[in-house]
Structures are given as structure tokens and as C-alpha cells.
Amino acid sequence: MLIVPTPHLALVAAAFSCLAVPAVAQSAPENRSLPRLEAIQPLGSSGTAGPIRNVQITVSGAYANAVNTNQPTSRDQKTWVGSLGVSADLGDWMYAGITGTYSREDITSTNLAFALPMAGLANVLGVDGMVGVRPLPFLAMGVTAGMGRSDASYRFTGVGMAGPATPADGSTARLGAFMAAFYQLDRLGLTAKAELLGSASNITYGPGNIPASDSFGNTLLVVSVGAKYALTDQLSVTGGAGLVQLISEKVPAAQTGLDPSWGLLEAGLDYQLTDQLSIGGRLTTWVFNDRMSFNRAAVSATYSF
């Protein structure tokens, strides 16, 4: 029997970008398999002596919803994400960070092979790192890399189709590069950023599935601008806009491809509770995408040493 499940959606690192700050963010369109790159921010110099300075620990949580639109297949994916990250300056010119992520994904979908409804569940673990340099005070560049694994299952949910879930285990690898420029004018900070992001994923299905395994991935270019304005010494507002361009894509079996290009918008608030502790929130949405509706809400807390 031909059974081709809908792989769970994993949004590439760019669509989750923190557009309003110099950050390498968690991303954007569909990798369809595994974890995500959470935001790791390049940090400014604090003047603290020593090779490792400006150490920050960030805890964040997010909820995202992705829904297919104007497509022959349906997909409604709800994702809950939690992450823990550490970042720091390394001397006067370098910075680095690492983030661990756990996400739970609940999906209802159909595919091109047949119109039977399916329900899927995935638990995803990932780790992502970044290293960068600041050759000039207003310029930063660097590379990112990540990997992860998923423990997933799916089952048909139509009338008379109830039965045990079929397992599906996956792995993914991500690699990217970025360049960002900054400008500070009194209380207003401006950012322009370009990111090239690639991912490759593999998934192995349980017995009886055709195909028994699949591979897929994509390469994306993301260009964004952002702003951050300090309303008071403690409270700041952020906003940004970006353009995502699909460079290349390998589409999984019985699925449709990504939109060739689309936009994204982000708005948020940051509040400095103490000299060392800050909290923030972000809302992100995709625009001008003919194939998918996407919205995400995130909160975070950062402690600086």
C-alpha cells in the first residue's frame, strides 16, 4: 500500500530573524523536517577586561502556526518551542554563541498522493552555533551551523482509518553566513542584514511506507532592515521588515514547493528590568506569500554577566 506522510514543517532560520537588532536569528520558510536556529545576538564591547566578556544567557519560548493556502494539499501545524542559549564576545573582534532547542509539533495534513487526512506529532531536539567578527565598529559578519534529530509519528484520521501510529525518524543539518551593518542615532538604532541559509534533511519512515525514506532541503537568501527605539531608559520598541528569496529547493515526495519569494514583518518590545536582566517579546508574520500563512509569538529573558 502506498503511504506517503506529510513531513513535519521546520521553518528555516531566517523567518524567525530578530529584524530589529544585529542578530542571527531563527528562521523562515520551510525545511519541512527538523529544528530551528534560535536567535544568537552579536554583542557590543563592554570594556570588561579578559578574552571572554559580555557573557549572556537567554531563555526563550515561542508558539507558531503555519497553514497552507491556495494549495492542493492542506497543512495546519502548531509548534511550541523552548530554547536555552549562551553567547559572548571573544576578545575585541570576535563573538560566538550556542543554543539548544526543543520543539513539539502537532500537524494535521493531506498530501498529493491521496486526500486522506493525517495527524502527525514530532518531538525535535537541535543545537546551533555561531561565530563572527566585527572588522569595523558598524559591521559584523559570521557563519552559523546547526544539526538536530526528530522523533515523529503519523496516523490516518479519516472515517474507518483509525489505527496505530507509524514512526518517522529524521535528521537535519544547517549552514549559513551573514553580514550586518548598524547605525546608532541618539535613541534610534538601525540595522541592515543579509543572510544566506541552507538546510538538508533526511527522514526514515516505519515499515510499510512507500517511500521508505526521503531527503529534502533548500537554500534561502534573506535581506532585512530593522529599527530599535528607546522610549525610556528601560523600555524600547522594535520593528523590521525582510524579503525571503528561494535560491534552490529539493521538494519531498508528494509535497508542493515553497513560494519563490515572500516578505516578513516583525514588531516587539524590550524591557530592562535591572542592569543585568532584560525581557522581551516579538510578533512575526509572513506577507505576500501565496502558499502559506505563518504567524509566531515569542518571549525571552536575558541575563548578562
Protein backbone atom coordinates (compact mmCIF):
# COMPACT_ATOMS: atom_id res chain seq x y z
CA MET A 1 0.00 0.00 0.00
CA LEU A 2 1.32 3.46 -0.89
CA ILE A 3 1.64 5.62 2.20
CA VAL A 4 3.44 8.96 1.89
CA PRO A 5 3.02 11.08 5.03
CA THR A 6 3.41 14.82 5.17
CA PRO A 7 6.80 15.55 6.76
CA HIS A 8 6.54 17.96 9.67
CA LEU A 9 7.32 21.58 9.00
CA ALA A 10 10.52 23.14 10.27
CA LEU A 11 10.92 26.79 9.47
CA VAL A 12 14.34 27.83 8.29
CA ALA A 13 16.45 30.20 10.24
CA ALA A 14 15.60 33.40 8.51
CA ALA A 15 11.90 33.89 9.02
CA PHE A 16 12.39 33.96 12.75
CA SER A 17 15.08 36.61 12.40
CA CYS A 18 15.17 39.34 15.00
CA LEU A 19 14.98 42.04 12.37
CA ALA A 20 15.41 44.99 14.64
CA VAL A 21 18.73 44.03 16.24
CA PRO A 22 22.07 42.75 14.97
CA ALA A 23 21.18 39.10 15.44
CA VAL A 24 21.49 35.83 13.66
CA ALA A 25 18.03 34.53 14.07
CA GLN A 26 15.82 31.66 13.84
CA SER A 27 14.26 31.45 10.70
CA ALA A 28 11.90 31.19 7.93
CA PRO A 29 10.35 29.12 5.37
CA GLU A 30 10.09 25.55 5.26
CA ASN A 31 12.77 22.97 5.77
CA ARG A 32 9.94 20.64 6.48
CA SER A 33 11.96 18.48 8.73
CA LEU A 34 13.78 19.45 11.81
CA PRO A 35 14.77 22.06 14.31
CA ARG A 36 15.31 25.72 14.20
CA LEU A 37 18.07 28.19 14.78
CA GLU A 38 17.19 30.41 17.71
CA ALA A 39 18.44 33.98 17.83
CA ILE A 40 22.03 34.43 18.97
CA GLN A 41 22.97 38.08 19.15
CA PRO A 42 26.36 39.61 18.34
CA LEU A 43 27.25 41.59 21.42
CA GLY A 44 28.83 45.01 21.79
CA SER A 45 32.05 45.62 23.70
CA SER A 46 31.57 46.34 27.39
CA GLY A 47 35.12 47.36 28.18
CA THR A 48 35.42 44.40 30.57
CA ALA A 49 38.95 43.02 30.70
CA GLY A 50 39.69 39.44 29.65
CA PRO A 51 39.40 37.37 26.48
CA ILE A 52 35.78 36.33 27.22
CA ARG A 53 33.41 39.16 28.03
CA ASN A 54 29.76 40.21 27.75
CA VAL A 55 28.53 36.71 28.55
CA GLN A 56 24.75 36.41 28.15
CA ILE A 57 22.34 33.58 28.92
CA THR A 58 18.98 33.68 27.13
CA VAL A 59 15.89 31.58 27.80
CA SER A 60 13.07 31.85 25.26
CA GLY A 61 9.73 30.31 24.38
CA ALA A 62 7.58 30.63 21.27
CA TYR A 63 4.37 29.47 19.63
CA ALA A 64 3.97 29.38 15.84
CA ASN A 65 1.16 28.43 13.47
CA ALA A 66 1.66 27.62 9.77
CA VAL A 67 -1.28 26.94 7.42
CA ASN A 68 -1.19 26.07 3.71
CA THR A 69 -3.14 28.44 1.45
CA ASN A 70 -4.11 28.13 -2.23
CA GLN A 71 -2.53 24.66 -2.47
CA PRO A 72 -3.80 21.20 -3.46
CA THR A 73 -2.56 19.90 -0.10
CA SER A 74 -3.66 21.02 3.35
CA ARG A 75 -1.44 21.61 6.38
CA ASP A 76 -2.12 23.13 9.76
CA GLN A 77 0.92 23.00 12.02
CA LYS A 78 1.13 24.22 15.60
CA THR A 79 4.63 24.43 17.10
CA TRP A 80 5.77 25.08 20.67
CA VAL A 81 9.47 25.92 21.07
CA GLY A 82 11.76 26.31 24.07
CA SER A 83 15.44 27.23 23.92
CA LEU A 84 18.48 28.00 26.06
CA GLY A 85 21.42 29.93 24.61
CA VAL A 86 24.79 31.30 25.70
CA SER A 87 26.72 33.98 23.81
CA ALA A 88 29.84 36.07 24.47
CA ASP A 89 32.46 38.36 23.00
CA LEU A 90 35.83 36.71 22.37
CA GLY A 91 38.39 39.46 22.67
CA ASP A 92 37.90 42.76 20.86
CA TRP A 93 36.81 41.48 17.43
CA MET A 94 35.07 38.13 17.71
CA TYR A 95 31.85 36.81 19.22
CA ALA A 96 30.25 33.38 19.41
CA GLY A 97 27.17 31.62 20.72
CA ILE A 98 25.46 28.27 21.04
CA THR A 99 21.77 27.45 21.51
CA GLY A 100 19.93 24.25 22.35
CA THR A 101 16.30 23.92 21.27
CA TYR A 102 13.37 21.61 21.94
CA SER A 103 10.14 21.84 19.96
CA ARG A 104 6.87 19.94 19.81
CA GLU A 105 4.97 20.00 16.52
CA ASP A 106 1.31 18.98 16.04
CA ILE A 107 0.27 18.68 12.38
CA THR A 108 -2.91 17.85 10.51
CA SER A 109 -2.44 17.49 6.75
CA THR A 110 -3.04 15.79 3.42
CA ASN A 111 -0.61 15.16 0.53
CA LEU A 112 -0.58 14.82 -3.24
CA ALA A 113 -0.72 11.01 -3.20
CA PHE A 114 -4.27 10.92 -1.85
CA ALA A 115 -6.65 13.18 0.05
CA LEU A 116 -6.92 11.14 3.26
CA PRO A 117 -6.44 13.32 6.35
CA MET A 118 -3.46 12.60 8.61
CA ALA A 119 -2.34 13.68 12.06
CA GLY A 120 1.34 13.93 12.98
CA LEU A 121 3.36 14.57 16.11
CA ALA A 122 7.09 15.38 16.28
CA ASN A 123 9.49 15.98 19.15
CA VAL A 124 12.57 17.80 17.86
CA LEU A 125 15.94 18.44 19.51
CA GLY A 126 18.53 20.72 17.94
CA VAL A 127 21.75 22.58 18.61
CA ASP A 128 23.01 25.59 16.66
CA GLY A 129 26.16 27.67 16.90
CA MET A 130 27.51 30.92 15.51
CA VAL A 131 30.92 32.57 15.28
CA GLY A 132 31.52 36.04 13.88
CA VAL A 133 33.86 39.01 13.65
CA ARG A 134 33.47 42.80 13.75
CA PRO A 135 36.07 44.23 11.35
CA LEU A 136 34.59 47.71 11.85
CA PRO A 137 32.50 49.18 14.69
CA PHE A 138 29.43 49.33 12.42
CA LEU A 139 29.92 46.00 10.59
CA ALA A 140 29.58 42.34 11.63
CA MET A 141 29.83 39.09 9.69
CA GLY A 142 29.95 35.42 10.51
CA VAL A 143 28.82 31.86 9.91
CA THR A 144 26.21 29.64 11.53
CA ALA A 145 25.84 25.86 11.68
CA GLY A 146 23.36 23.50 13.29
CA MET A 147 22.08 19.96 13.46
CA GLY A 148 19.26 18.06 15.05
CA ARG A 149 17.09 14.99 15.25
CA SER A 150 13.35 14.37 15.35
CA ASP A 151 11.25 11.56 16.80
CA ALA A 152 7.95 11.69 14.89
CA SER A 153 4.85 9.64 14.13
CA TYR A 154 1.75 9.92 11.94
CA ARG A 155 -1.60 8.20 11.51
CA PHE A 156 -4.62 8.50 9.25
CA THR A 157 -7.67 10.08 10.85
CA GLY A 158 -10.46 9.55 8.28
CA VAL A 159 -13.59 7.54 8.98
CA GLY A 160 -12.68 3.86 9.34
CA MET A 161 -8.95 4.64 9.18
CA ALA A 162 -8.13 4.58 12.90
CA GLY A 163 -5.07 2.53 13.72
CA PRO A 164 -1.65 2.59 15.37
CA ALA A 165 0.73 5.41 14.60
CA THR A 166 3.63 4.86 12.18
CA PRO A 167 7.06 6.13 13.33
CA ALA A 168 9.23 8.50 11.30
CA ASP A 169 12.73 9.48 12.44
CA GLY A 170 14.66 12.34 10.88
CA SER A 171 17.88 14.33 10.95
CA THR A 172 18.90 17.69 9.54
CA ALA A 173 21.98 19.85 9.02
CA ARG A 174 22.07 23.62 8.55
CA LEU A 175 24.76 26.02 7.39
CA GLY A 176 24.61 29.77 6.87
CA ALA A 177 26.53 33.02 6.54
CA PHE A 178 25.50 36.59 7.36
CA MET A 179 26.60 40.22 7.18
CA ALA A 180 25.05 43.05 9.17
CA ALA A 181 25.58 46.82 9.36
CA PHE A 182 24.48 49.07 12.25
CA TYR A 183 23.93 52.78 12.82
CA GLN A 184 23.08 54.47 16.12
CA LEU A 185 21.47 57.92 16.21
CA ASP A 186 20.75 59.01 19.76
CA ARG A 187 17.87 56.75 20.92
CA LEU A 188 17.36 55.13 17.50
CA GLY A 189 19.34 52.11 16.33
CA LEU A 190 19.16 50.93 12.70
CA THR A 191 20.19 47.54 11.27
CA ALA A 192 20.55 46.13 7.74
CA LYS A 193 21.30 42.44 7.33
CA ALA A 194 21.78 39.81 4.62
CA GLU A 195 21.76 36.06 5.34
CA LEU A 196 22.35 33.01 3.16
CA LEU A 197 20.83 29.92 4.76
CA GLY A 198 20.92 26.30 3.62
CA SER A 199 19.48 23.09 5.06
CA ALA A 200 19.47 19.40 4.16
CA SER A 201 17.19 16.85 5.83
CA ASN A 202 16.65 13.09 5.78
CA ILE A 203 13.73 11.11 7.15
CA THR A 204 13.18 7.36 7.56
CA TYR A 205 9.63 6.00 7.82
CA GLY A 206 8.31 2.95 9.60
CA PRO A 207 7.57 -0.43 7.96
CA GLY A 208 5.08 -0.39 5.05
CA ASN A 209 5.65 3.19 3.99
CA ILE A 210 6.48 3.96 0.36
CA PRO A 211 9.00 5.51 0.02
CA ALA A 212 10.88 4.00 2.96
CA SER A 213 12.94 7.20 3.27
CA ASP A 214 13.21 10.66 1.75
CA SER A 215 15.57 13.63 1.59
CA PHE A 216 14.85 17.31 1.02
CA GLY A 217 16.16 20.81 1.71
CA ASN A 218 16.54 24.34 0.42
CA THR A 219 18.77 27.40 0.18
CA LEU A 220 17.41 30.86 1.02
CA LEU A 221 18.61 34.45 0.81
CA VAL A 222 17.09 36.80 3.41
CA VAL A 223 17.58 40.57 3.30
CA SER A 224 16.13 42.62 6.15
CA VAL A 225 16.14 46.05 7.80
CA GLY A 226 15.17 46.88 11.36
CA ALA A 227 14.96 49.62 13.94
CA LYS A 228 15.01 49.83 17.73
CA TYR A 229 13.90 52.99 19.56
CA ALA A 230 14.37 53.63 23.28
CA LEU A 231 11.17 55.18 24.63
CA THR A 232 12.72 55.38 28.11
CA ASP A 233 15.92 54.15 29.71
CA GLN A 234 14.16 50.82 30.35
CA LEU A 235 11.59 50.37 27.53
CA SER A 236 12.35 50.02 23.81
CA VAL A 237 10.19 49.22 20.78
CA THR A 238 11.49 47.27 17.78
CA GLY A 239 10.27 46.71 14.23
CA GLY A 240 11.54 45.37 10.96
CA ALA A 241 10.78 44.03 7.51
CA GLY A 242 12.51 41.47 5.31
CA LEU A 243 12.44 39.74 1.95
CA VAL A 244 12.99 35.99 1.58
CA GLN A 245 14.15 34.64 -1.81
CA LEU A 246 14.25 30.92 -2.57
CA ILE A 247 17.56 30.08 -4.26
CA SER A 248 17.16 26.30 -4.63
CA GLU A 249 14.89 23.57 -3.30
CA LYS A 250 14.55 19.80 -3.21
CA VAL A 251 10.89 19.01 -2.53
CA PRO A 252 9.94 15.86 -0.56
CA ALA A 253 7.74 13.21 -2.13
CA ALA A 254 4.02 14.02 -2.55
CA GLN A 255 4.52 17.62 -1.39
CA THR A 256 4.41 21.06 -3.01
CA GLY A 257 7.32 23.52 -3.04
CA LEU A 258 7.79 26.83 -1.31
CA ASP A 259 6.68 30.19 -2.65
CA PRO A 260 9.62 31.59 -4.71
CA SER A 261 9.70 34.75 -2.55
CA TRP A 262 7.76 36.48 0.21
CA GLY A 263 8.04 39.16 2.87
CA LEU A 264 8.08 39.13 6.64
CA LEU A 265 7.26 41.71 9.29
CA GLU A 266 8.23 41.83 12.95
CA ALA A 267 7.36 44.04 15.94
CA GLY A 268 8.41 43.79 19.56
CA LEU A 269 9.15 45.28 22.96
CA ASP A 270 12.23 45.07 25.19
CA TYR A 271 12.29 45.99 28.87
CA GLN A 272 15.41 46.32 31.06
CA LEU A 273 14.34 45.06 34.49
CA THR A 274 17.76 45.53 36.09
CA ASP A 275 21.27 46.30 34.92
CA GLN A 276 21.74 42.60 34.21
CA LEU A 277 18.26 41.23 33.42
CA SER A 278 16.08 42.11 30.42
CA ILE A 279 12.90 40.64 28.97
CA GLY A 280 11.37 40.94 25.51
CA GLY A 281 8.60 39.85 23.19
CA ARG A 282 8.27 39.54 19.41
CA LEU A 283 5.44 39.06 16.93
CA THR A 284 6.34 37.84 13.42
CA THR A 285 4.17 37.32 10.35
CA TRP A 286 4.71 36.48 6.68
CA VAL A 287 3.25 38.70 3.96
CA PHE A 288 2.87 38.33 0.17
CA ASN A 289 3.16 34.55 0.44
CA ASP A 290 0.69 32.79 -1.87
CA ARG A 291 1.23 29.31 -0.44
CA MET A 292 1.38 29.64 3.34
CA SER A 293 0.12 31.75 6.22
CA PHE A 294 2.58 31.97 9.09
CA ASN A 295 2.45 33.73 12.48
CA ARG A 296 4.71 33.48 15.51
CA ALA A 297 4.79 34.93 19.05
CA ALA A 298 7.91 34.70 21.23
CA VAL A 299 9.07 35.84 24.66
CA SER A 300 12.59 35.80 26.11
CA ALA A 301 14.64 36.68 29.16
CA THR A 302 18.36 37.52 29.03
CA TYR A 303 20.82 37.71 31.92
CA SER A 304 24.13 39.47 31.31
CA PHE A 305 27.31 38.87 33.30
